[in-house]
Amino acid sequence: MNRGRVREFGLTPGRIPTGKHNTMADVDGVGVGHCTVIEGDDIRTGVTAITPHSGNLYEEKVSAAVDVFNGYGKSVGLSQIVNEGTIETPIMLTETLNTFKVADALIDYFPEKTGFTPRSLNSLVGETNGGYLTDNQNRRIGKMEVFEAIDDALSCKGLVAEGCVGGGTPMTGYGFKGGIGTSSRKIGKGTVGVLVQLNCGRKDDLMVLGAPIGMEVEIPKPEASPGNSIMMIVATDVMLESRQLWKLAKRTMLGLARTGSFSSNGSGDYSIAFSTGKLDHGDFVESVDASPVGDGFMSHLYAGVVEATEEAVLNALFKAETMHGYQGHIRYALPLDETLAVLESHGLRK
């Protein structure tokens, strides 16, 4: 069976309508781009870029927040976001030991690609460990790959590649092949989009729309070893403060939990949320018929983030293909025929 996104198989996670393309790039101005590197038998890596807008981010920072649910990770640049509540570079996602090379390349991007040299710069890079399929000591990602991913994001027109691409190239999801997944929700006049780099979870814990898929589908042994981490990025056009975005970022874990994760001790589970600020707060509140006083209107956005996170994880699993890599290791794709049959047996697909 050909790989495809969840909705291509008649499955509809959640109840809130999606954006036009059902990707993070449905949030006006946001772009997503990838550079994928597959070389020989041992290199299966890449980098993904998320651009909140196409201008100079250092001079036109966006409101942002971070939530660290389980902090087993090597991300760069998070503490300044916590302190200042803004993002000033593209958000980059990559494979663990490439983190620091990507952060270094981001410093070069501004003078070399935009002609602007910042006085200082807070490179923002998130990671998950794909060392099962790639030689992460090789640290293959450099300036050329980072620049390519950012340029790809800046040319994004709404469609986003998923599965074994960019930073998601060597990743694992619930013992199956993981990677990049994305989804969006339209809420009143506003939009929220979520992108995940899925590399977490044990096979037997996998749930799809409430069905215990991990317990009921088979995978060759001993290839069912788990992944360890996940990066979850939230974008919205609704004008929000950093404090409010922090509360939005926290809801990603509720969507992830719907797919079976309990966030193991060695899992780096990080969420970053940002707002492009293109939709006035008052206009959004009026469009969802919420009180203009307090944060009650946020509940509408929370629901969208939970649904979009769940679907982004499922899209990563449904799109990812079986991959052979480092030291002869194999990561098998989620078997779609078996998965759909199980869903039908549970009355979740007609």
C-alpha atoms as a PDB file:
ATOM      1  CA  MET A   1       0.000   0.000   0.000  1.00  0.00           C
ATOM      2  CA  ASN A   2       1.259   3.483  -0.871  1.00  0.00           C
ATOM      3  CA  ARG A   3       2.143   5.725   2.056  1.00  0.00           C
ATOM      4  CA  GLY A   4      -0.131   8.700   2.673  1.00  0.00           C
ATOM      5  CA  ARG A   5      -1.396  11.120   5.267  1.00  0.00           C
ATOM      6  CA  VAL A   6      -3.981   9.927   7.791  1.00  0.00           C
ATOM      7  CA  ARG A   7      -6.931  11.640   6.094  1.00  0.00           C
ATOM      8  CA  GLU A   8      -6.112  10.025   2.753  1.00  0.00           C
ATOM      9  CA  PHE A   9      -7.294   6.756   4.309  1.00  0.00           C
ATOM     10  CA  GLY A  10     -10.645   8.076   5.487  1.00  0.00           C
ATOM     11  CA  LEU A  11      -9.508   8.792   9.052  1.00  0.00           C
ATOM     12  CA  THR A  12     -10.423  12.085  10.726  1.00  0.00           C
ATOM     13  CA  PRO A  13      -8.616  12.778  13.997  1.00  0.00           C
ATOM     14  CA  GLY A  14     -10.574  15.313  16.040  1.00  0.00           C
ATOM     15  CA  ARG A  15     -13.580  17.460  15.205  1.00  0.00           C
ATOM     16  CA  ILE A  16     -12.165  20.921  14.451  1.00  0.00           C
ATOM     17  CA  PRO A  17     -11.743  21.789  10.742  1.00  0.00           C
ATOM     18  CA  THR A  18      -8.224  21.877   9.346  1.00  0.00           C
ATOM     19  CA  GLY A  19      -6.554  24.701   7.480  1.00  0.00           C
ATOM     20  CA  LYS A  20      -6.283  24.689   3.687  1.00  0.00           C
ATOM     21  CA  HIS A  21      -3.314  22.309   3.466  1.00  0.00           C
ATOM     22  CA  ASN A  22      -3.557  20.833   6.979  1.00  0.00           C
ATOM     23  CA  THR A  23       0.049  21.861   7.705  1.00  0.00           C
ATOM     24  CA  MET A  24       1.834  24.318   9.956  1.00  0.00           C
ATOM     25  CA  ALA A  25       2.314  26.503   6.872  1.00  0.00           C
ATOM     26  CA  ASP A  26      -1.438  27.239   6.892  1.00  0.00           C
ATOM     27  CA  VAL A  27      -0.518  29.898   9.456  1.00  0.00           C
ATOM     28  CA  ASP A  28      -0.051  32.939   7.233  1.00  0.00           C
ATOM     29  CA  GLY A  29       3.615  33.744   6.652  1.00  0.00           C
ATOM     30  CA  VAL A  30       5.030  30.585   8.234  1.00  0.00           C
ATOM     31  CA  GLY A  31       7.317  28.391   6.148  1.00  0.00           C
ATOM     32  CA  VAL A  32       8.740  24.895   6.606  1.00  0.00           C
ATOM     33  CA  GLY A  33      11.722  23.565   4.671  1.00  0.00           C
ATOM     34  CA  HIS A  34      14.055  20.579   4.751  1.00  0.00           C
ATOM     35  CA  CYS A  35      17.465  19.396   3.693  1.00  0.00           C
ATOM     36  CA  THR A  36      17.829  15.607   3.695  1.00  0.00           C
ATOM     37  CA  VAL A  37      21.225  13.878   3.577  1.00  0.00           C
ATOM     38  CA  ILE A  38      21.456  10.163   2.723  1.00  0.00           C
ATOM     39  CA  GLU A  39      24.947   8.905   1.910  1.00  0.00           C
ATOM     40  CA  GLY A  40      26.341   5.381   1.703  1.00  0.00           C
ATOM     41  CA  ASP A  41      25.192   2.932   4.368  1.00  0.00           C
ATOM     42  CA  ASP A  42      25.780   5.034   7.470  1.00  0.00           C
ATOM     43  CA  ILE A  43      24.496   8.593   6.937  1.00  0.00           C
ATOM     44  CA  ARG A  44      20.750   9.162   7.305  1.00  0.00           C
ATOM     45  CA  THR A  45      20.345  12.675   8.596  1.00  0.00           C
ATOM     46  CA  GLY A  46      19.074  16.164   7.801  1.00  0.00           C
ATOM     47  CA  VAL A  47      17.810  19.469   9.073  1.00  0.00           C
ATOM     48  CA  THR A  48      14.394  21.142   9.085  1.00  0.00           C
ATOM     49  CA  ALA A  49      13.774  24.894   9.237  1.00  0.00           C
ATOM     50  CA  ILE A  50      10.669  26.751  10.398  1.00  0.00           C
ATOM     51  CA  THR A  51      10.482  30.437   9.502  1.00  0.00           C
ATOM     52  CA  PRO A  52       7.826  32.514  11.341  1.00  0.00           C
ATOM     53  CA  HIS A  53       7.923  35.101   8.542  1.00  0.00           C
ATOM     54  CA  SER A  54      10.039  35.961   5.516  1.00  0.00           C
ATOM     55  CA  GLY A  55      11.590  39.135   6.920  1.00  0.00           C
ATOM     56  CA  ASN A  56      14.611  39.766   9.149  1.00  0.00           C
ATOM     57  CA  LEU A  57      13.715  37.835  12.306  1.00  0.00           C
ATOM     58  CA  TYR A  58      16.427  39.497  14.355  1.00  0.00           C
ATOM     59  CA  GLU A  59      14.913  42.925  13.723  1.00  0.00           C
ATOM     60  CA  GLU A  60      11.304  41.670  13.624  1.00  0.00           C
ATOM     61  CA  LYS A  61      11.216  39.164  16.467  1.00  0.00           C
ATOM     62  CA  VAL A  62       8.074  37.144  17.179  1.00  0.00           C
ATOM     63  CA  SER A  63       6.475  36.391  20.531  1.00  0.00           C
ATOM     64  CA  ALA A  64       7.333  32.884  21.730  1.00  0.00           C
ATOM     65  CA  ALA A  65       7.509  30.453  24.638  1.00  0.00           C
ATOM     66  CA  VAL A  66       9.028  27.101  25.572  1.00  0.00           C
ATOM     67  CA  ASP A  67       7.689  24.226  27.622  1.00  0.00           C
ATOM     68  CA  VAL A  68      10.056  21.473  28.734  1.00  0.00           C
ATOM     69  CA  PHE A  69       7.988  18.456  29.760  1.00  0.00           C
ATOM     70  CA  ASN A  70      10.958  16.095  30.094  1.00  0.00           C
ATOM     71  CA  GLY A  71      14.333  17.719  29.661  1.00  0.00           C
ATOM     72  CA  TYR A  72      16.572  14.948  28.356  1.00  0.00           C
ATOM     73  CA  GLY A  73      17.964  16.877  25.418  1.00  0.00           C
ATOM     74  CA  LYS A  74      20.664  19.042  23.884  1.00  0.00           C
ATOM     75  CA  SER A  75      18.643  21.898  22.439  1.00  0.00           C
ATOM     76  CA  VAL A  76      20.255  25.312  22.015  1.00  0.00           C
ATOM     77  CA  GLY A  77      18.747  28.743  22.666  1.00  0.00           C
ATOM     78  CA  LEU A  78      15.783  27.856  24.885  1.00  0.00           C
ATOM     79  CA  SER A  79      16.736  29.859  27.990  1.00  0.00           C
ATOM     80  CA  GLN A  80      16.710  33.211  26.187  1.00  0.00           C
ATOM     81  CA  ILE A  81      13.196  32.509  24.906  1.00  0.00           C
ATOM     82  CA  VAL A  82      12.090  31.744  28.457  1.00  0.00           C
ATOM     83  CA  ASN A  83      13.669  34.992  29.650  1.00  0.00           C
ATOM     84  CA  GLU A  84      12.795  37.340  26.781  1.00  0.00           C
ATOM     85  CA  GLY A  85       9.688  35.727  25.281  1.00  0.00           C
ATOM     86  CA  THR A  86      10.820  36.165  21.673  1.00  0.00           C
ATOM     87  CA  ILE A  87      12.436  34.247  18.807  1.00  0.00           C
ATOM     88  CA  GLU A  88      15.030  35.919  16.577  1.00  0.00           C
ATOM     89  CA  THR A  89      16.187  33.115  14.245  1.00  0.00           C
ATOM     90  CA  PRO A  90      14.459  30.380  12.273  1.00  0.00           C
ATOM     91  CA  ILE A  91      13.653  27.320  14.391  1.00  0.00           C
ATOM     92  CA  MET A  92      15.918  24.470  13.323  1.00  0.00           C
ATOM     93  CA  LEU A  93      15.375  20.753  14.005  1.00  0.00           C
ATOM     94  CA  THR A  94      18.102  18.178  13.484  1.00  0.00           C
ATOM     95  CA  GLU A  95      19.833  15.024  14.741  1.00  0.00           C
ATOM     96  CA  THR A  96      21.413  15.189  18.207  1.00  0.00           C
ATOM     97  CA  LEU A  97      25.121  15.800  17.656  1.00  0.00           C
ATOM     98  CA  ASN A  98      24.448  18.071  14.679  1.00  0.00           C
ATOM     99  CA  THR A  99      22.766  20.540  17.056  1.00  0.00           C
ATOM    100  CA  PHE A 100      25.853  22.613  17.679  1.00  0.00           C
ATOM    101  CA  LYS A 101      26.958  22.731  14.048  1.00  0.00           C
ATOM    102  CA  VAL A 102      23.482  23.908  13.055  1.00  0.00           C
ATOM    103  CA  ALA A 103      23.570  26.607  15.752  1.00  0.00           C
ATOM    104  CA  ASP A 104      26.939  27.769  14.423  1.00  0.00           C
ATOM    105  CA  ALA A 105      25.683  27.855  10.837  1.00  0.00           C
ATOM    106  CA  LEU A 106      22.699  30.005  11.868  1.00  0.00           C
ATOM    107  CA  ILE A 107      25.142  32.699  12.979  1.00  0.00           C
ATOM    108  CA  ASP A 108      26.646  32.708   9.489  1.00  0.00           C
ATOM    109  CA  TYR A 109      23.259  32.757   7.753  1.00  0.00           C
ATOM    110  CA  PHE A 110      22.432  36.376   8.529  1.00  0.00           C
ATOM    111  CA  PRO A 111      25.582  38.109   7.197  1.00  0.00           C
ATOM    112  CA  GLU A 112      26.081  35.667   4.327  1.00  0.00           C
ATOM    113  CA  LYS A 113      22.500  35.364   3.091  1.00  0.00           C
ATOM    114  CA  THR A 114      20.832  38.601   4.190  1.00  0.00           C
ATOM    115  CA  GLY A 115      23.767  41.012   4.346  1.00  0.00           C
ATOM    116  CA  PHE A 116      22.844  41.860   7.944  1.00  0.00           C
ATOM    117  CA  THR A 117      25.237  41.191  10.833  1.00  0.00           C
ATOM    118  CA  PRO A 118      23.491  41.052  14.227  1.00  0.00           C
ATOM    119  CA  ARG A 119      25.307  42.400  17.265  1.00  0.00           C
ATOM    120  CA  SER A 120      24.454  39.104  18.982  1.00  0.00           C
ATOM    121  CA  LEU A 121      22.305  36.137  18.021  1.00  0.00           C
ATOM    122  CA  ASN A 122      20.358  33.444  19.869  1.00  0.00           C
ATOM    123  CA  SER A 123      20.438  30.417  17.580  1.00  0.00           C
ATOM    124  CA  LEU A 124      17.414  28.189  18.210  1.00  0.00           C
ATOM    125  CA  VAL A 125      17.952  24.485  17.526  1.00  0.00           C
ATOM    126  CA  GLY A 126      15.988  21.458  18.722  1.00  0.00           C
ATOM    127  CA  GLU A 127      17.059  17.833  18.360  1.00  0.00           C
ATOM    128  CA  THR A 128      16.176  14.186  18.691  1.00  0.00           C
ATOM    129  CA  ASN A 129      18.596  11.255  18.561  1.00  0.00           C
ATOM    130  CA  GLY A 130      18.564   9.251  15.323  1.00  0.00           C
ATOM    131  CA  GLY A 131      21.720   7.283  16.144  1.00  0.00           C
ATOM    132  CA  TYR A 132      20.063   3.927  15.435  1.00  0.00           C
ATOM    133  CA  LEU A 133      19.992   4.652  11.703  1.00  0.00           C
ATOM    134  CA  THR A 134      22.768   7.216  11.281  1.00  0.00           C
ATOM    135  CA  ASP A 135      26.335   7.644  12.480  1.00  0.00           C
ATOM    136  CA  ASN A 136      25.647  10.686  14.617  1.00  0.00           C
ATOM    137  CA  GLN A 137      29.347  11.063  15.494  1.00  0.00           C
ATOM    138  CA  ASN A 138      29.847  11.982  11.838  1.00  0.00           C
ATOM    139  CA  ARG A 139      27.992  15.289  12.381  1.00  0.00           C
ATOM    140  CA  ARG A 140      27.321  15.612   8.676  1.00  0.00           C
ATOM    141  CA  ILE A 141      25.115  18.725   8.748  1.00  0.00           C
ATOM    142  CA  GLY A 142      26.889  22.001   8.037  1.00  0.00           C
ATOM    143  CA  LYS A 143      26.346  25.471   6.697  1.00  0.00           C
ATOM    144  CA  MET A 144      25.274  24.416   3.205  1.00  0.00           C
ATOM    145  CA  GLU A 145      22.524  22.134   4.545  1.00  0.00           C
ATOM    146  CA  VAL A 146      21.263  24.725   7.028  1.00  0.00           C
ATOM    147  CA  PHE A 147      21.115  27.430   4.361  1.00  0.00           C
ATOM    148  CA  GLU A 148      19.265  25.070   1.998  1.00  0.00           C
ATOM    149  CA  ALA A 149      16.626  24.218   4.629  1.00  0.00           C
ATOM    150  CA  ILE A 150      16.006  27.892   5.464  1.00  0.00           C
ATOM    151  CA  ASP A 151      15.771  28.876   1.807  1.00  0.00           C
ATOM    152  CA  ASP A 152      13.337  25.985   1.260  1.00  0.00           C
ATOM    153  CA  ALA A 153      11.199  27.255   4.152  1.00  0.00           C
ATOM    154  CA  LEU A 154      11.158  30.786   2.772  1.00  0.00           C
ATOM    155  CA  SER A 155       9.779  29.476  -0.523  1.00  0.00           C
ATOM    156  CA  CYS A 156       7.121  27.299   1.150  1.00  0.00           C
ATOM    157  CA  LYS A 157       3.604  27.703  -0.263  1.00  0.00           C
ATOM    158  CA  GLY A 158       1.630  25.670   2.267  1.00  0.00           C
ATOM    159  CA  LEU A 159       2.540  22.096   1.376  1.00  0.00           C
ATOM    160  CA  VAL A 160       5.088  20.431   3.672  1.00  0.00           C
ATOM    161  CA  ALA A 161       7.028  17.205   3.080  1.00  0.00           C
ATOM    162  CA  GLU A 162       6.599  14.639   5.866  1.00  0.00           C
ATOM    163  CA  GLY A 163       8.048  11.347   7.042  1.00  0.00           C
ATOM    164  CA  CYS A 164      11.727  10.568   6.355  1.00  0.00           C
ATOM    165  CA  VAL A 165      12.791  14.112   5.508  1.00  0.00           C
ATOM    166  CA  GLY A 166      14.943  16.824   7.059  1.00  0.00           C
ATOM    167  CA  GLY A 167      15.568  16.448  10.766  1.00  0.00           C
ATOM    168  CA  GLY A 168      13.172  13.507  10.798  1.00  0.00           C
ATOM    169  CA  THR A 169      15.216  11.395   8.381  1.00  0.00           C
ATOM    170  CA  PRO A 170      16.655   8.854  10.884  1.00  0.00           C
ATOM    171  CA  MET A 171      13.942   9.035  13.549  1.00  0.00           C
ATOM    172  CA  THR A 172      11.781   6.390  15.239  1.00  0.00           C
ATOM    173  CA  GLY A 173       8.135   6.563  16.313  1.00  0.00           C
ATOM    174  CA  TYR A 174       6.788   3.930  18.704  1.00  0.00           C
ATOM    175  CA  GLY A 175       9.294   1.381  17.431  1.00  0.00           C
ATOM    176  CA  PHE A 176       8.334   2.058  13.812  1.00  0.00           C
ATOM    177  CA  LYS A 177       9.905   4.521  11.391  1.00  0.00           C
ATOM    178  CA  GLY A 178       9.145   8.044  12.581  1.00  0.00           C
ATOM    179  CA  GLY A 179      10.043  11.500  11.307  1.00  0.00           C
ATOM    180  CA  ILE A 180       8.333  14.769  10.456  1.00  0.00           C
ATOM    181  CA  GLY A 181       4.571  15.251  10.688  1.00  0.00           C
ATOM    182  CA  THR A 182       2.333  18.305  10.652  1.00  0.00           C
ATOM    183  CA  SER A 183      -1.304  19.385  10.906  1.00  0.00           C
ATOM    184  CA  SER A 184      -3.401  22.520  11.435  1.00  0.00           C
ATOM    185  CA  ARG A 185      -6.744  23.643  12.781  1.00  0.00           C
ATOM    186  CA  LYS A 186      -8.942  26.593  11.799  1.00  0.00           C
ATOM    187  CA  ILE A 187     -10.521  28.215  14.870  1.00  0.00           C
ATOM    188  CA  GLY A 188     -12.791  31.181  14.215  1.00  0.00           C
ATOM    189  CA  LYS A 189     -10.668  33.661  12.296  1.00  0.00           C
ATOM    190  CA  GLY A 190      -7.498  32.104  13.684  1.00  0.00           C
ATOM    191  CA  THR A 191      -5.246  29.216  12.729  1.00  0.00           C
ATOM    192  CA  VAL A 192      -2.963  26.995  14.766  1.00  0.00           C
ATOM    193  CA  GLY A 193      -0.408  24.697  13.176  1.00  0.00           C
ATOM    194  CA  VAL A 194       1.757  22.006  14.733  1.00  0.00           C
ATOM    195  CA  LEU A 195       4.873  20.283  13.416  1.00  0.00           C
ATOM    196  CA  VAL A 196       6.558  17.372  15.185  1.00  0.00           C
ATOM    197  CA  GLN A 197       9.878  15.616  14.841  1.00  0.00           C
ATOM    198  CA  LEU A 198       8.756  12.235  16.136  1.00  0.00           C
ATOM    199  CA  ASN A 199      11.365  10.028  17.799  1.00  0.00           C
ATOM    200  CA  CYS A 200       9.658   8.686  20.912  1.00  0.00           C
ATOM    201  CA  GLY A 201       7.515   5.893  22.304  1.00  0.00           C
ATOM    202  CA  ARG A 202       7.414   2.120  22.695  1.00  0.00           C
ATOM    203  CA  LYS A 203       5.698  -0.077  20.107  1.00  0.00           C
ATOM    204  CA  ASP A 204       3.144  -1.627  22.439  1.00  0.00           C
ATOM    205  CA  ASP A 205       1.980   1.804  23.612  1.00  0.00           C
ATOM    206  CA  LEU A 206       1.001   3.128  20.168  1.00  0.00           C
ATOM    207  CA  MET A 207      -2.626   4.231  19.932  1.00  0.00           C
ATOM    208  CA  VAL A 208      -4.310   5.401  16.727  1.00  0.00           C
ATOM    209  CA  LEU A 209      -7.668   7.113  17.251  1.00  0.00           C
ATOM    210  CA  GLY A 210      -8.049   5.154  20.484  1.00  0.00           C
ATOM    211  CA  ALA A 211      -7.218   1.731  19.020  1.00  0.00           C
ATOM    212  CA  PRO A 212      -4.252  -0.216  20.514  1.00  0.00           C
ATOM    213  CA  ILE A 213      -2.401  -0.502  17.206  1.00  0.00           C
ATOM    214  CA  GLY A 214       0.964  -1.226  18.825  1.00  0.00           C
ATOM    215  CA  MET A 215      -0.456  -4.294  20.559  1.00  0.00           C
ATOM    216  CA  GLU A 216      -2.224  -5.621  17.476  1.00  0.00           C
ATOM    217  CA  VAL A 217       0.222  -5.181  14.572  1.00  0.00           C
ATOM    218  CA  GLU A 218       3.463  -7.061  14.128  1.00  0.00           C
ATOM    219  CA  ILE A 219       6.977  -5.801  13.499  1.00  0.00           C
ATOM    220  CA  PRO A 220      10.096  -7.893  12.812  1.00  0.00           C
ATOM    221  CA  LYS A 221      12.232  -8.557  15.892  1.00  0.00           C
ATOM    222  CA  PRO A 222      14.507  -7.201  17.271  1.00  0.00           C
ATOM    223  CA  GLU A 223      13.724  -4.022  15.364  1.00  0.00           C
ATOM    224  CA  ALA A 224      11.009  -2.789  17.750  1.00  0.00           C
ATOM    225  CA  SER A 225      13.383  -0.852  20.018  1.00  0.00           C
ATOM    226  CA  PRO A 226      11.918   2.513  21.068  1.00  0.00           C
ATOM    227  CA  GLY A 227      12.757   6.056  20.138  1.00  0.00           C
ATOM    228  CA  ASN A 228      13.617   8.576  22.808  1.00  0.00           C
ATOM    229  CA  SER A 229      12.472  12.150  22.161  1.00  0.00           C
ATOM    230  CA  ILE A 230      10.143  14.522  20.360  1.00  0.00           C
ATOM    231  CA  MET A 231      10.195  18.164  19.314  1.00  0.00           C
ATOM    232  CA  MET A 232       6.779  19.814  18.954  1.00  0.00           C
ATOM    233  CA  ILE A 233       6.464  23.261  17.389  1.00  0.00           C
ATOM    234  CA  VAL A 234       3.250  25.310  17.542  1.00  0.00           C
ATOM    235  CA  ALA A 235       2.501  28.316  15.348  1.00  0.00           C
ATOM    236  CA  THR A 236      -0.507  30.623  15.425  1.00  0.00           C
ATOM    237  CA  ASP A 237      -1.493  33.890  13.800  1.00  0.00           C
ATOM    238  CA  VAL A 238      -3.441  35.005  16.891  1.00  0.00           C
ATOM    239  CA  MET A 239      -1.701  37.819  18.755  1.00  0.00           C
ATOM    240  CA  LEU A 240      -0.592  36.273  22.060  1.00  0.00           C
ATOM    241  CA  GLU A 241       1.836  37.126  24.854  1.00  0.00           C
ATOM    242  CA  SER A 242       4.696  34.792  25.754  1.00  0.00           C
ATOM    243  CA  ARG A 243       2.813  33.744  28.896  1.00  0.00           C
ATOM    244  CA  GLN A 244      -0.170  32.671  26.812  1.00  0.00           C
ATOM    245  CA  LEU A 245       2.033  30.885  24.288  1.00  0.00           C
ATOM    246  CA  TRP A 246       3.599  28.913  27.126  1.00  0.00           C
ATOM    247  CA  LYS A 247       0.155  27.633  28.043  1.00  0.00           C
ATOM    248  CA  LEU A 248      -0.435  26.766  24.382  1.00  0.00           C
ATOM    249  CA  ALA A 249       2.887  24.884  24.175  1.00  0.00           C
ATOM    250  CA  LYS A 250       1.963  22.785  27.215  1.00  0.00           C
ATOM    251  CA  ARG A 251      -1.101  21.363  25.436  1.00  0.00           C
ATOM    252  CA  THR A 252       1.029  19.545  22.871  1.00  0.00           C
ATOM    253  CA  MET A 253       1.691  16.846  25.459  1.00  0.00           C
ATOM    254  CA  LEU A 254      -2.031  16.124  25.674  1.00  0.00           C
ATOM    255  CA  GLY A 255      -2.116  15.477  21.933  1.00  0.00           C
ATOM    256  CA  LEU A 256       1.007  13.321  22.138  1.00  0.00           C
ATOM    257  CA  ALA A 257      -0.511  11.337  25.008  1.00  0.00           C
ATOM    258  CA  ARG A 258      -3.480  10.452  22.781  1.00  0.00           C
ATOM    259  CA  THR A 259      -1.022   8.474  20.636  1.00  0.00           C
ATOM    260  CA  GLY A 260       0.278   6.519  23.629  1.00  0.00           C
ATOM    261  CA  SER A 261       3.352   8.319  24.972  1.00  0.00           C
ATOM    262  CA  PHE A 262       3.951   8.547  28.715  1.00  0.00           C
ATOM    263  CA  SER A 263       7.222  10.488  28.284  1.00  0.00           C
ATOM    264  CA  SER A 264       9.891   8.083  29.510  1.00  0.00           C
ATOM    265  CA  ASN A 265      12.779   9.227  31.689  1.00  0.00           C
ATOM    266  CA  GLY A 266      15.237   9.328  28.791  1.00  0.00           C
ATOM    267  CA  SER A 267      12.898  11.184  26.461  1.00  0.00           C
ATOM    268  CA  GLY A 268      13.535  14.810  25.560  1.00  0.00           C
ATOM    269  CA  ASP A 269      10.013  16.178  25.140  1.00  0.00           C
ATOM    270  CA  TYR A 270      10.140  19.858  24.186  1.00  0.00           C
ATOM    271  CA  SER A 271       7.521  22.257  22.863  1.00  0.00           C
ATOM    272  CA  ILE A 272       8.091  25.679  21.328  1.00  0.00           C
ATOM    273  CA  ALA A 273       5.164  27.959  20.495  1.00  0.00           C
ATOM    274  CA  PHE A 274       5.214  31.257  18.626  1.00  0.00           C
ATOM    275  CA  SER A 275       2.772  33.812  17.266  1.00  0.00           C
ATOM    276  CA  THR A 276       3.098  35.734  14.038  1.00  0.00           C
ATOM    277  CA  GLY A 277       0.745  38.331  15.562  1.00  0.00           C
ATOM    278  CA  LYS A 278      -1.081  38.872  12.273  1.00  0.00           C
ATOM    279  CA  LEU A 279      -4.567  38.411  13.767  1.00  0.00           C
ATOM    280  CA  ASP A 280      -5.620  41.007  16.312  1.00  0.00           C
ATOM    281  CA  HIS A 281      -6.513  39.574  19.709  1.00  0.00           C
ATOM    282  CA  GLY A 282      -9.885  41.311  19.769  1.00  0.00           C
ATOM    283  CA  ASP A 283     -10.847  40.095  16.309  1.00  0.00           C
ATOM    284  CA  PHE A 284     -10.073  36.507  17.281  1.00  0.00           C
ATOM    285  CA  VAL A 285     -11.928  36.674  20.599  1.00  0.00           C
ATOM    286  CA  GLU A 286     -14.995  38.049  18.822  1.00  0.00           C
ATOM    287  CA  SER A 287     -14.790  35.331  16.142  1.00  0.00           C
ATOM    288  CA  VAL A 288     -15.038  32.538  18.747  1.00  0.00           C
ATOM    289  CA  ASP A 289     -17.666  34.351  20.823  1.00  0.00           C
ATOM    290  CA  ALA A 290     -15.452  34.389  23.930  1.00  0.00           C
ATOM    291  CA  SER A 291     -15.233  36.878  26.778  1.00  0.00           C
ATOM    292  CA  PRO A 292     -12.740  39.683  26.129  1.00  0.00           C
ATOM    293  CA  VAL A 293     -11.703  39.484  29.798  1.00  0.00           C
ATOM    294  CA  GLY A 294      -9.019  37.010  30.910  1.00  0.00           C
ATOM    295  CA  ASP A 295      -7.702  33.962  29.074  1.00  0.00           C
ATOM    296  CA  GLY A 296     -10.960  32.071  28.594  1.00  0.00           C
ATOM    297  CA  PHE A 297     -10.646  32.429  24.821  1.00  0.00           C
ATOM    298  CA  MET A 298      -7.482  30.307  24.992  1.00  0.00           C
ATOM    299  CA  SER A 299      -9.525  27.139  25.483  1.00  0.00           C
ATOM    300  CA  HIS A 300     -10.477  27.235  21.795  1.00  0.00           C
ATOM    301  CA  LEU A 301      -6.790  27.314  20.858  1.00  0.00           C
ATOM    302  CA  TYR A 302      -5.927  24.590  23.352  1.00  0.00           C
ATOM    303  CA  ALA A 303      -8.373  22.216  21.668  1.00  0.00           C
ATOM    304  CA  GLY A 304      -6.852  22.988  18.279  1.00  0.00           C
ATOM    305  CA  VAL A 305      -3.316  22.330  19.489  1.00  0.00           C
ATOM    306  CA  VAL A 306      -4.258  18.988  21.050  1.00  0.00           C
ATOM    307  CA  GLU A 307      -5.980  17.780  17.881  1.00  0.00           C
ATOM    308  CA  ALA A 308      -3.266  19.062  15.551  1.00  0.00           C
ATOM    309  CA  THR A 309      -0.498  17.482  17.636  1.00  0.00           C
ATOM    310  CA  GLU A 310      -2.200  14.088  17.616  1.00  0.00           C
ATOM    311  CA  GLU A 311      -2.686  14.246  13.859  1.00  0.00           C
ATOM    312  CA  ALA A 312       0.861  15.472  13.229  1.00  0.00           C
ATOM    313  CA  VAL A 313       2.238  12.430  15.066  1.00  0.00           C
ATOM    314  CA  LEU A 314       0.002  10.103  13.058  1.00  0.00           C
ATOM    315  CA  ASN A 315       0.977  11.794   9.780  1.00  0.00           C
ATOM    316  CA  ALA A 316       4.647  11.233  10.627  1.00  0.00           C
ATOM    317  CA  LEU A 317       3.991   7.522  11.141  1.00  0.00           C
ATOM    318  CA  PHE A 318       1.742   7.101   8.105  1.00  0.00           C
ATOM    319  CA  LYS A 319       4.135   8.911   5.738  1.00  0.00           C
ATOM    320  CA  ALA A 320       7.452   7.458   6.938  1.00  0.00           C
ATOM    321  CA  GLU A 321       8.931   4.597   4.904  1.00  0.00           C
ATOM    322  CA  THR A 322      11.089   1.655   5.984  1.00  0.00           C
ATOM    323  CA  MET A 323      14.742   2.693   6.176  1.00  0.00           C
ATOM    324  CA  HIS A 324      18.006   0.714   6.260  1.00  0.00           C
ATOM    325  CA  GLY A 325      20.973   2.453   7.825  1.00  0.00           C
ATOM    326  CA  TYR A 326      23.909   2.517  10.206  1.00  0.00           C
ATOM    327  CA  GLN A 327      25.470  -0.868  11.112  1.00  0.00           C
ATOM    328  CA  GLY A 328      22.804  -2.671   9.091  1.00  0.00           C
ATOM    329  CA  HIS A 329      19.966  -1.499  11.305  1.00  0.00           C
ATOM    330  CA  ILE A 330      16.449  -1.370   9.867  1.00  0.00           C
ATOM    331  CA  ARG A 331      13.515   0.724  11.013  1.00  0.00           C
ATOM    332  CA  TYR A 332      10.274  -0.665   9.587  1.00  0.00           C
ATOM    333  CA  ALA A 333       7.387   1.569   8.577  1.00  0.00           C
ATOM    334  CA  LEU A 334       4.051   1.246  10.322  1.00  0.00           C
ATOM    335  CA  PRO A 335       2.220  -1.455   8.291  1.00  0.00           C
ATOM    336  CA  LEU A 336      -0.750   0.442   6.899  1.00  0.00           C
ATOM    337  CA  ASP A 337      -2.763  -2.573   5.725  1.00  0.00           C
ATOM    338  CA  GLU A 338      -2.689  -4.118   9.187  1.00  0.00           C
ATOM    339  CA  THR A 339      -3.275  -0.790  10.887  1.00  0.00           C
ATOM    340  CA  LEU A 340      -6.352  -0.002   8.805  1.00  0.00           C
ATOM    341  CA  ALA A 341      -7.717  -3.508   9.359  1.00  0.00           C
ATOM    342  CA  VAL A 342      -7.387  -3.072  13.123  1.00  0.00           C
ATOM    343  CA  LEU A 343      -9.115   0.309  12.950  1.00  0.00           C
ATOM    344  CA  GLU A 344     -11.977  -1.264  10.995  1.00  0.00           C
ATOM    345  CA  SER A 345     -12.284  -4.041  13.587  1.00  0.00           C
ATOM    346  CA  HIS A 346     -12.695  -1.363  16.252  1.00  0.00           C
ATOM    347  CA  GLY A 347     -15.306   0.481  14.212  1.00  0.00           C
ATOM    348  CA  LEU A 348     -13.012   3.451  13.619  1.00  0.00           C
ATOM    349  CA  ARG A 349     -12.872   3.198   9.829  1.00  0.00           C
ATOM    350  CA  LYS A 350     -15.517   2.233   7.318  1.00  0.00           C
END
